[in-house]
PDB file of N, CA and C in Angstrom:
ATOM      1  N   MET A   1      -2.626  -8.177 -30.414  1.00  0.00           N
ATOM      2  CA  MET A   1      -3.205  -8.187 -29.078  1.00  0.00           C
ATOM      3  C   MET A   1      -2.531  -9.279 -28.252  1.00  0.00           C
ATOM      4  N   LYS A   2      -2.270  -8.939 -27.008  1.00  0.00           N
ATOM      5  CA  LYS A   2      -1.589  -9.882 -26.117  1.00  0.00           C
ATOM      6  C   LYS A   2      -2.577 -10.900 -25.556  1.00  0.00           C
ATOM      7  N   LYS A   3      -2.034 -11.915 -24.941  1.00  0.00           N
ATOM      8  CA  LYS A   3      -2.821 -12.997 -24.351  1.00  0.00           C
ATOM      9  C   LYS A   3      -3.702 -12.468 -23.225  1.00  0.00           C
ATOM     10  N   ARG A   4      -4.955 -12.879 -23.202  1.00  0.00           N
ATOM     11  CA  ARG A   4      -5.878 -12.551 -22.106  1.00  0.00           C
ATOM     12  C   ARG A   4      -5.923 -13.745 -21.164  1.00  0.00           C
ATOM     13  N   TYR A   5      -6.158 -13.493 -19.898  1.00  0.00           N
ATOM     14  CA  TYR A   5      -6.152 -14.552 -18.901  1.00  0.00           C
ATOM     15  C   TYR A   5      -7.566 -14.803 -18.391  1.00  0.00           C
ATOM     16  N   ASP A   6      -7.876 -16.084 -18.155  1.00  0.00           N
ATOM     17  CA  ASP A   6      -9.201 -16.471 -17.672  1.00  0.00           C
ATOM     18  C   ASP A   6      -9.410 -16.110 -16.203  1.00  0.00           C
ATOM     19  N   LYS A   7      -8.319 -16.054 -15.451  1.00  0.00           N
ATOM     20  CA  LYS A   7      -8.417 -15.740 -14.029  1.00  0.00           C
ATOM     21  C   LYS A   7      -7.277 -14.802 -13.655  1.00  0.00           C
ATOM     22  N   PRO A   8      -7.433 -14.075 -12.562  1.00  0.00           N
ATOM     23  CA  PRO A   8      -6.348 -13.186 -12.140  1.00  0.00           C
ATOM     24  C   PRO A   8      -5.070 -13.972 -11.878  1.00  0.00           C
ATOM     25  N   MET A   9      -3.942 -13.348 -12.219  1.00  0.00           N
ATOM     26  CA  MET A   9      -2.647 -13.989 -12.019  1.00  0.00           C
ATOM     27  C   MET A   9      -2.208 -13.817 -10.573  1.00  0.00           C
ATOM     28  N   THR A  10      -1.443 -14.768 -10.079  1.00  0.00           N
ATOM     29  CA  THR A  10      -0.864 -14.652  -8.744  1.00  0.00           C
ATOM     30  C   THR A  10       0.331 -13.715  -8.818  1.00  0.00           C
ATOM     31  N   ALA A  11       0.808 -13.260  -7.666  1.00  0.00           N
ATOM     32  CA  ALA A  11       1.979 -12.390  -7.623  1.00  0.00           C
ATOM     33  C   ALA A  11       3.184 -13.090  -8.242  1.00  0.00           C
ATOM     34  N   ALA A  12       3.324 -14.372  -7.998  1.00  0.00           N
ATOM     35  CA  ALA A  12       4.450 -15.131  -8.557  1.00  0.00           C
ATOM     36  C   ALA A  12       4.354 -15.211 -10.076  1.00  0.00           C
ATOM     37  N   GLU A  13       3.139 -15.396 -10.593  1.00  0.00           N
ATOM     38  CA  GLU A  13       2.951 -15.457 -12.052  1.00  0.00           C
ATOM     39  C   GLU A  13       3.260 -14.100 -12.693  1.00  0.00           C
ATOM     40  N   ILE A  14       2.834 -13.039 -12.035  1.00  0.00           N
ATOM     41  CA  ILE A  14       3.110 -11.698 -12.555  1.00  0.00           C
ATOM     42  C   ILE A  14       4.605 -11.438 -12.573  1.00  0.00           C
ATOM     43  N   ALA A  15       5.285 -11.782 -11.492  1.00  0.00           N
ATOM     44  CA  ALA A  15       6.728 -11.563 -11.403  1.00  0.00           C
ATOM     45  C   ALA A  15       7.480 -12.364 -12.462  1.00  0.00           C
ATOM     46  N   ALA A  16       6.952 -13.527 -12.826  1.00  0.00           N
ATOM     47  CA  ALA A  16       7.619 -14.392 -13.799  1.00  0.00           C
ATOM     48  C   ALA A  16       7.314 -14.002 -15.246  1.00  0.00           C
ATOM     49  N   THR A  17       6.378 -13.090 -15.465  1.00  0.00           N
ATOM     50  CA  THR A  17       6.002 -12.685 -16.820  1.00  0.00           C
ATOM     51  C   THR A  17       7.033 -11.715 -17.391  1.00  0.00           C
ATOM     52  N   PRO A  18       7.632 -12.046 -18.539  1.00  0.00           N
ATOM     53  CA  PRO A  18       8.605 -11.137 -19.152  1.00  0.00           C
ATOM     54  C   PRO A  18       7.910  -9.848 -19.612  1.00  0.00           C
ATOM     55  N   ASP A  19       8.632  -8.742 -19.595  1.00  0.00           N
ATOM     56  CA  ASP A  19       8.066  -7.455 -20.005  1.00  0.00           C
ATOM     57  C   ASP A  19       7.468  -7.513 -21.403  1.00  0.00           C
ATOM     58  N   ARG A  20       8.099  -8.258 -22.305  1.00  0.00           N
ATOM     59  CA  ARG A  20       7.625  -8.318 -23.694  1.00  0.00           C
ATOM     60  C   ARG A  20       6.224  -8.927 -23.799  1.00  0.00           C
ATOM     61  N   ASP A  21       5.787  -9.668 -22.762  1.00  0.00           N
ATOM     62  CA  ASP A  21       4.468 -10.298 -22.783  1.00  0.00           C
ATOM     63  C   ASP A  21       3.394  -9.454 -22.090  1.00  0.00           C
ATOM     64  N   ILE A  22       3.753  -8.281 -21.609  1.00  0.00           N
ATOM     65  CA  ILE A  22       2.792  -7.428 -20.913  1.00  0.00           C
ATOM     66  C   ILE A  22       2.142  -6.481 -21.908  1.00  0.00           C
ATOM     67  N   ASP A  23       0.824  -6.411 -21.888  1.00  0.00           N
ATOM     68  CA  ASP A  23       0.072  -5.538 -22.787  1.00  0.00           C
ATOM     69  C   ASP A  23      -0.054  -4.152 -22.154  1.00  0.00           C
ATOM     70  N   PHE A  24       0.645  -3.180 -22.705  1.00  0.00           N
ATOM     71  CA  PHE A  24       0.608  -1.805 -22.210  1.00  0.00           C
ATOM     72  C   PHE A  24      -0.312  -0.918 -23.048  1.00  0.00           C
ATOM     73  N   SER A  25      -1.091  -1.495 -23.952  1.00  0.00           N
ATOM     74  CA  SER A  25      -1.875  -0.702 -24.894  1.00  0.00           C
ATOM     75  C   SER A  25      -2.919   0.199 -24.228  1.00  0.00           C
ATOM     76  N   ASP A  26      -3.367  -0.159 -23.028  1.00  0.00           N
ATOM     77  CA  ASP A  26      -4.378   0.678 -22.364  1.00  0.00           C
ATOM     78  C   ASP A  26      -3.765   1.672 -21.376  1.00  0.00           C
ATOM     79  N   VAL A  27      -2.435   1.747 -21.332  1.00  0.00           N
ATOM     80  CA  VAL A  27      -1.754   2.680 -20.447  1.00  0.00           C
ATOM     81  C   VAL A  27      -1.470   3.960 -21.239  1.00  0.00           C
ATOM     82  N   PRO A  28      -1.992   5.096 -20.788  1.00  0.00           N
ATOM     83  CA  PRO A  28      -1.763   6.330 -21.548  1.00  0.00           C
ATOM     84  C   PRO A  28      -0.303   6.767 -21.495  1.00  0.00           C
ATOM     85  N   ASP A  29       0.111   7.472 -22.551  1.00  0.00           N
ATOM     86  CA  ASP A  29       1.465   8.027 -22.577  1.00  0.00           C
ATOM     87  C   ASP A  29       1.573   9.146 -21.549  1.00  0.00           C
ATOM     88  N   LEU A  30       2.712   9.246 -20.921  1.00  0.00           N
ATOM     89  CA  LEU A  30       2.959  10.323 -19.962  1.00  0.00           C
ATOM     90  C   LEU A  30       3.645  11.455 -20.715  1.00  0.00           C
ATOM     91  N   ASP A  31       2.827  12.363 -21.246  1.00  0.00           N
ATOM     92  CA  ASP A  31       3.351  13.457 -22.060  1.00  0.00           C
ATOM     93  C   ASP A  31       3.810  14.633 -21.198  1.00  0.00           C
ATOM     94  N   ASP A  32       4.235  15.704 -21.850  1.00  0.00           N
ATOM     95  CA  ASP A  32       4.735  16.879 -21.138  1.00  0.00           C
ATOM     96  C   ASP A  32       3.691  17.476 -20.201  1.00  0.00           C
ATOM     97  N   ALA A  33       2.423  17.451 -20.606  1.00  0.00           N
ATOM     98  CA  ALA A  33       1.352  18.007 -19.758  1.00  0.00           C
ATOM     99  C   ALA A  33       1.260  17.248 -18.445  1.00  0.00           C
ATOM    100  N   PHE A  34       1.428  15.936 -18.506  1.00  0.00           N
ATOM    101  CA  PHE A  34       1.399  15.146 -17.277  1.00  0.00           C
ATOM    102  C   PHE A  34       2.503  15.602 -16.342  1.00  0.00           C
ATOM    103  N   TRP A  35       3.724  15.709 -16.846  1.00  0.00           N
ATOM    104  CA  TRP A  35       4.859  16.055 -16.003  1.00  0.00           C
ATOM    105  C   TRP A  35       4.801  17.497 -15.537  1.00  0.00           C
ATOM    106  N   ARG A  36       4.192  18.382 -16.334  1.00  0.00           N
ATOM    107  CA  ARG A  36       4.043  19.777 -15.936  1.00  0.00           C
ATOM    108  C   ARG A  36       3.124  19.895 -14.711  1.00  0.00           C
ATOM    109  N   ASN A  37       2.107  19.045 -14.648  1.00  0.00           N
ATOM    110  CA  ASN A  37       1.132  19.082 -13.557  1.00  0.00           C
ATOM    111  C   ASN A  37       1.460  18.136 -12.409  1.00  0.00           C
ATOM    112  N   ALA A  38       2.500  17.343 -12.575  1.00  0.00           N
ATOM    113  CA  ALA A  38       2.864  16.364 -11.533  1.00  0.00           C
ATOM    114  C   ALA A  38       3.424  17.087 -10.315  1.00  0.00           C
ATOM    115  N   ARG A  39       3.201  16.496  -9.147  1.00  0.00           N
ATOM    116  CA  ARG A  39       3.779  17.060  -7.930  1.00  0.00           C
ATOM    117  C   ARG A  39       4.377  15.926  -7.109  1.00  0.00           C
ATOM    118  N   LEU A  40       5.431  16.252  -6.421  1.00  0.00           N
ATOM    119  CA  LEU A  40       6.122  15.277  -5.594  1.00  0.00           C
ATOM    120  C   LEU A  40       5.349  15.094  -4.290  1.00  0.00           C
ATOM    121  N   VAL A  41       5.059  13.873  -3.948  1.00  0.00           N
ATOM    122  CA  VAL A  41       4.373  13.559  -2.696  1.00  0.00           C
ATOM    123  C   VAL A  41       5.322  12.718  -1.853  1.00  0.00           C
ATOM    124  N   GLU A  42       5.779  13.292  -0.771  1.00  0.00           N
ATOM    125  CA  GLU A  42       6.697  12.590   0.122  1.00  0.00           C
ATOM    126  C   GLU A  42       5.920  11.565   0.948  1.00  0.00           C
ATOM    127  N   PRO A  43       6.497  10.400   1.186  1.00  0.00           N
ATOM    128  CA  PRO A  43       5.814   9.413   2.027  1.00  0.00           C
ATOM    129  C   PRO A  43       5.711   9.903   3.460  1.00  0.00           C
ATOM    130  N   ASP A  44       4.654   9.490   4.126  1.00  0.00           N
ATOM    131  CA  ASP A  44       4.464   9.833   5.531  1.00  0.00           C
ATOM    132  C   ASP A  44       5.386   8.930   6.345  1.00  0.00           C
ATOM    133  N   ARG A  45       6.394   9.499   6.903  1.00  0.00           N
ATOM    134  CA  ARG A  45       7.396   8.720   7.631  1.00  0.00           C
ATOM    135  C   ARG A  45       6.898   8.375   9.034  1.00  0.00           C
ATOM    136  N   THR A  46       7.397   7.274   9.534  1.00  0.00           N
ATOM    137  CA  THR A  46       7.044   6.883  10.896  1.00  0.00           C
ATOM    138  C   THR A  46       8.057   7.478  11.866  1.00  0.00           C
ATOM    139  N   GLN A  47       7.641   7.578  13.104  1.00  0.00           N
ATOM    140  CA  GLN A  47       8.511   8.097  14.152  1.00  0.00           C
ATOM    141  C   GLN A  47       8.529   7.091  15.294  1.00  0.00           C
ATOM    142  N   SER A  48       9.697   6.820  15.787  1.00  0.00           N
ATOM    143  CA  SER A  48       9.837   5.882  16.884  1.00  0.00           C
ATOM    144  C   SER A  48       9.350   6.536  18.177  1.00  0.00           C
ATOM    145  N   VAL A  49       8.456   5.847  18.887  1.00  0.00           N
ATOM    146  CA  VAL A  49       7.922   6.353  20.151  1.00  0.00           C
ATOM    147  C   VAL A  49       7.846   5.213  21.159  1.00  0.00           C
ATOM    148  N   THR A  50       7.743   5.582  22.423  1.00  0.00           N
ATOM    149  CA  THR A  50       7.453   4.609  23.463  1.00  0.00           C
ATOM    150  C   THR A  50       5.983   4.766  23.808  1.00  0.00           C
ATOM    151  N   LEU A  51       5.256   3.672  23.752  1.00  0.00           N
ATOM    152  CA  LEU A  51       3.812   3.719  23.952  1.00  0.00           C
ATOM    153  C   LEU A  51       3.408   2.596  24.893  1.00  0.00           C
ATOM    154  N   ARG A  52       2.646   2.939  25.893  1.00  0.00           N
ATOM    155  CA  ARG A  52       2.151   1.912  26.814  1.00  0.00           C
ATOM    156  C   ARG A  52       0.780   1.438  26.354  1.00  0.00           C
ATOM    157  N   VAL A  53       0.665   0.127  26.142  1.00  0.00           N
ATOM    158  CA  VAL A  53      -0.619  -0.471  25.774  1.00  0.00           C
ATOM    159  C   VAL A  53      -0.874  -1.638  26.717  1.00  0.00           C
ATOM    160  N   LYS A  54      -2.124  -1.994  26.827  1.00  0.00           N
ATOM    161  CA  LYS A  54      -2.466  -3.131  27.680  1.00  0.00           C
ATOM    162  C   LYS A  54      -1.802  -4.393  27.149  1.00  0.00           C
ATOM    163  N   LYS A  55      -1.408  -5.245  28.073  1.00  0.00           N
ATOM    164  CA  LYS A  55      -0.742  -6.496  27.724  1.00  0.00           C
ATOM    165  C   LYS A  55      -1.624  -7.331  26.792  1.00  0.00           C
ATOM    166  N   SER A  56      -2.920  -7.370  27.061  1.00  0.00           N
ATOM    167  CA  SER A  56      -3.836  -8.165  26.233  1.00  0.00           C
ATOM    168  C   SER A  56      -3.886  -7.647  24.798  1.00  0.00           C
ATOM    169  N   VAL A  57      -3.800  -6.328  24.626  1.00  0.00           N
ATOM    170  CA  VAL A  57      -3.809  -5.739  23.285  1.00  0.00           C
ATOM    171  C   VAL A  57      -2.546  -6.152  22.536  1.00  0.00           C
ATOM    172  N   LEU A  58      -1.402  -5.989  23.182  1.00  0.00           N
ATOM    173  CA  LEU A  58      -0.131  -6.349  22.560  1.00  0.00           C
ATOM    174  C   LEU A  58      -0.094  -7.833  22.208  1.00  0.00           C
ATOM    175  N   GLU A  59      -0.525  -8.677  23.117  1.00  0.00           N
ATOM    176  CA  GLU A  59      -0.524 -10.120  22.860  1.00  0.00           C
ATOM    177  C   GLU A  59      -1.425 -10.476  21.683  1.00  0.00           C
ATOM    178  N   THR A  60      -2.564  -9.805  21.580  1.00  0.00           N
ATOM    179  CA  THR A  60      -3.488 -10.074  20.475  1.00  0.00           C
ATOM    180  C   THR A  60      -2.839  -9.728  19.137  1.00  0.00           C
ATOM    181  N   TYR A  61      -2.208  -8.565  19.056  1.00  0.00           N
ATOM    182  CA  TYR A  61      -1.548  -8.176  17.807  1.00  0.00           C
ATOM    183  C   TYR A  61      -0.359  -9.079  17.494  1.00  0.00           C
ATOM    184  N   LYS A  62       0.445  -9.391  18.503  1.00  0.00           N
ATOM    185  CA  LYS A  62       1.605 -10.253  18.279  1.00  0.00           C
ATOM    186  C   LYS A  62       1.181 -11.651  17.831  1.00  0.00           C
ATOM    187  N   ALA A  63       0.041 -12.123  18.318  1.00  0.00           N
ATOM    188  CA  ALA A  63      -0.444 -13.456  17.957  1.00  0.00           C
ATOM    189  C   ALA A  63      -0.777 -13.551  16.468  1.00  0.00           C
ATOM    190  N   GLN A  64      -1.000 -12.406  15.832  1.00  0.00           N
ATOM    191  CA  GLN A  64      -1.306 -12.396  14.400  1.00  0.00           C
ATOM    192  C   GLN A  64      -0.058 -12.580  13.551  1.00  0.00           C
ATOM    193  N   GLY A  65       1.107 -12.498  14.178  1.00  0.00           N
ATOM    194  CA  GLY A  65       2.355 -12.751  13.463  1.00  0.00           C
ATOM    195  C   GLY A  65       3.111 -11.492  13.094  1.00  0.00           C
ATOM    196  N   LYS A  66       4.097 -11.682  12.232  1.00  0.00           N
ATOM    197  CA  LYS A  66       4.983 -10.604  11.810  1.00  0.00           C
ATOM    198  C   LYS A  66       4.174  -9.424  11.268  1.00  0.00           C
ATOM    199  N   GLY A  67       4.636  -8.230  11.587  1.00  0.00           N
ATOM    200  CA  GLY A  67       3.962  -7.024  11.111  1.00  0.00           C
ATOM    201  C   GLY A  67       2.954  -6.469  12.088  1.00  0.00           C
ATOM    202  N   TYR A  68       2.990  -6.925  13.325  1.00  0.00           N
ATOM    203  CA  TYR A  68       1.986  -6.486  14.291  1.00  0.00           C
ATOM    204  C   TYR A  68       2.067  -4.987  14.552  1.00  0.00           C
ATOM    205  N   GLN A  69       3.271  -4.418  14.539  1.00  0.00           N
ATOM    206  CA  GLN A  69       3.395  -2.980  14.781  1.00  0.00           C
ATOM    207  C   GLN A  69       2.797  -2.183  13.622  1.00  0.00           C
ATOM    208  N   THR A  70       2.968  -2.687  12.415  1.00  0.00           N
ATOM    209  CA  THR A  70       2.381  -2.038  11.238  1.00  0.00           C
ATOM    210  C   THR A  70       0.859  -2.071  11.329  1.00  0.00           C
ATOM    211  N   ARG A  71       0.310  -3.204  11.766  1.00  0.00           N
ATOM    212  CA  ARG A  71      -1.149  -3.307  11.909  1.00  0.00           C
ATOM    213  C   ARG A  71      -1.656  -2.386  13.007  1.00  0.00           C
ATOM    214  N   MET A  72      -0.929  -2.299  14.109  1.00  0.00           N
ATOM    215  CA  MET A  72      -1.326  -1.389  15.188  1.00  0.00           C
ATOM    216  C   MET A  72      -1.319   0.049  14.684  1.00  0.00           C
ATOM    217  N   ASN A  73      -0.285   0.400  13.926  1.00  0.00           N
ATOM    218  CA  ASN A  73      -0.187   1.745  13.371  1.00  0.00           C
ATOM    219  C   ASN A  73      -1.348   2.025  12.423  1.00  0.00           C
ATOM    220  N   ALA A  74      -1.733   1.046  11.617  1.00  0.00           N
ATOM    221  CA  ALA A  74      -2.840   1.228  10.672  1.00  0.00           C
ATOM    222  C   ALA A  74      -4.145   1.531  11.406  1.00  0.00           C
ATOM    223  N   VAL A  75      -4.377   0.848  12.516  1.00  0.00           N
ATOM    224  CA  VAL A  75      -5.586   1.097  13.309  1.00  0.00           C
ATOM    225  C   VAL A  75      -5.547   2.504  13.903  1.00  0.00           C
ATOM    226  N   LEU A  76      -4.409   2.893  14.453  1.00  0.00           N
ATOM    227  CA  LEU A  76      -4.270   4.236  15.028  1.00  0.00           C
ATOM    228  C   LEU A  76      -4.426   5.308  13.954  1.00  0.00           C
ATOM    229  N   GLU A  77      -3.841   5.071  12.785  1.00  0.00           N
ATOM    230  CA  GLU A  77      -3.943   6.041  11.697  1.00  0.00           C
ATOM    231  C   GLU A  77      -5.381   6.192  11.216  1.00  0.00           C
ATOM    232  N   SER A  78      -6.086   5.085  11.118  1.00  0.00           N
ATOM    233  CA  SER A  78      -7.485   5.116  10.700  1.00  0.00           C
ATOM    234  C   SER A  78      -8.322   5.929  11.692  1.00  0.00           C
ATOM    235  N   TYR A  79      -8.098   5.715  12.962  1.00  0.00           N
ATOM    236  CA  TYR A  79      -8.819   6.465  13.991  1.00  0.00           C
ATOM    237  C   TYR A  79      -8.462   7.950  13.924  1.00  0.00           C
ATOM    238  N   ALA A  80      -7.203   8.253  13.734  1.00  0.00           N
ATOM    239  CA  ALA A  80      -6.760   9.652  13.649  1.00  0.00           C
ATOM    240  C   ALA A  80      -7.433  10.351  12.477  1.00  0.00           C
ATOM    241  N   ARG A  81      -7.610   9.653  11.358  1.00  0.00           N
ATOM    242  CA  ARG A  81      -8.280  10.257  10.190  1.00  0.00           C
ATOM    243  C   ARG A  81      -9.737  10.577  10.500  1.00  0.00           C
ATOM    244  N   THR A  82     -10.408   9.727  11.280  1.00  0.00           N
ATOM    245  CA  THR A  82     -11.804  10.043  11.624  1.00  0.00           C
ATOM    246  C   THR A  82     -11.875  11.295  12.476  1.00  0.00           C
ATOM    247  N   LEU A  83     -10.895  11.490  13.335  1.00  0.00           N
ATOM    248  CA  LEU A  83     -10.868  12.692  14.168  1.00  0.00           C
ATOM    249  C   LEU A  83     -10.632  13.945  13.332  1.00  0.00           C
ATOM    250  N   THR A  84      -9.788  13.839  12.323  1.00  0.00           N
ATOM    251  CA  THR A  84      -9.492  14.981  11.459  1.00  0.00           C
ATOM    252  C   THR A  84     -10.710  15.359  10.642  1.00  0.00           C
ATOM    253  N   ARG A  85     -11.489  14.367  10.193  1.00  0.00           N
ATOM    254  CA  ARG A  85     -12.701  14.633   9.404  1.00  0.00           C
ATOM    255  C   ARG A  85     -13.778  15.323  10.234  1.00  0.00           C
ATOM    256  N   GLN A  86     -13.785  15.084  11.546  1.00  0.00           N
ATOM    257  CA  GLN A  86     -14.817  15.652  12.407  1.00  0.00           C
ATOM    258  C   GLN A  86     -14.628  17.131  12.653  1.00  0.00           C
ATOM    259  N   ARG A  87     -13.453  17.646  12.394  1.00  0.00           N
ATOM    260  CA  ARG A  87     -13.145  19.060  12.665  1.00  0.00           C
ATOM    261  C   ARG A  87     -13.841  19.985  11.716  1.00  0.00           C
TER     262      ARG A  87
END
């Protein structure tokens, strides 16, 4: 049995852990049945658009730092999903 940890590891600790020290015993084998039933799922790609938003909205997102466009997209995507569920 591999070493158990008292607290969750940080991303840096996980990255520094050699493969030989990782306990894979609870990971099921991926047998032929798994691959027979597997399906390819393409990522949802983004599309470049020009969008007009209020200056205050843009400033608020930009003030949060790098990744503001990704966060704006996440909010729009979340709202779009609620609209799809209502149909």
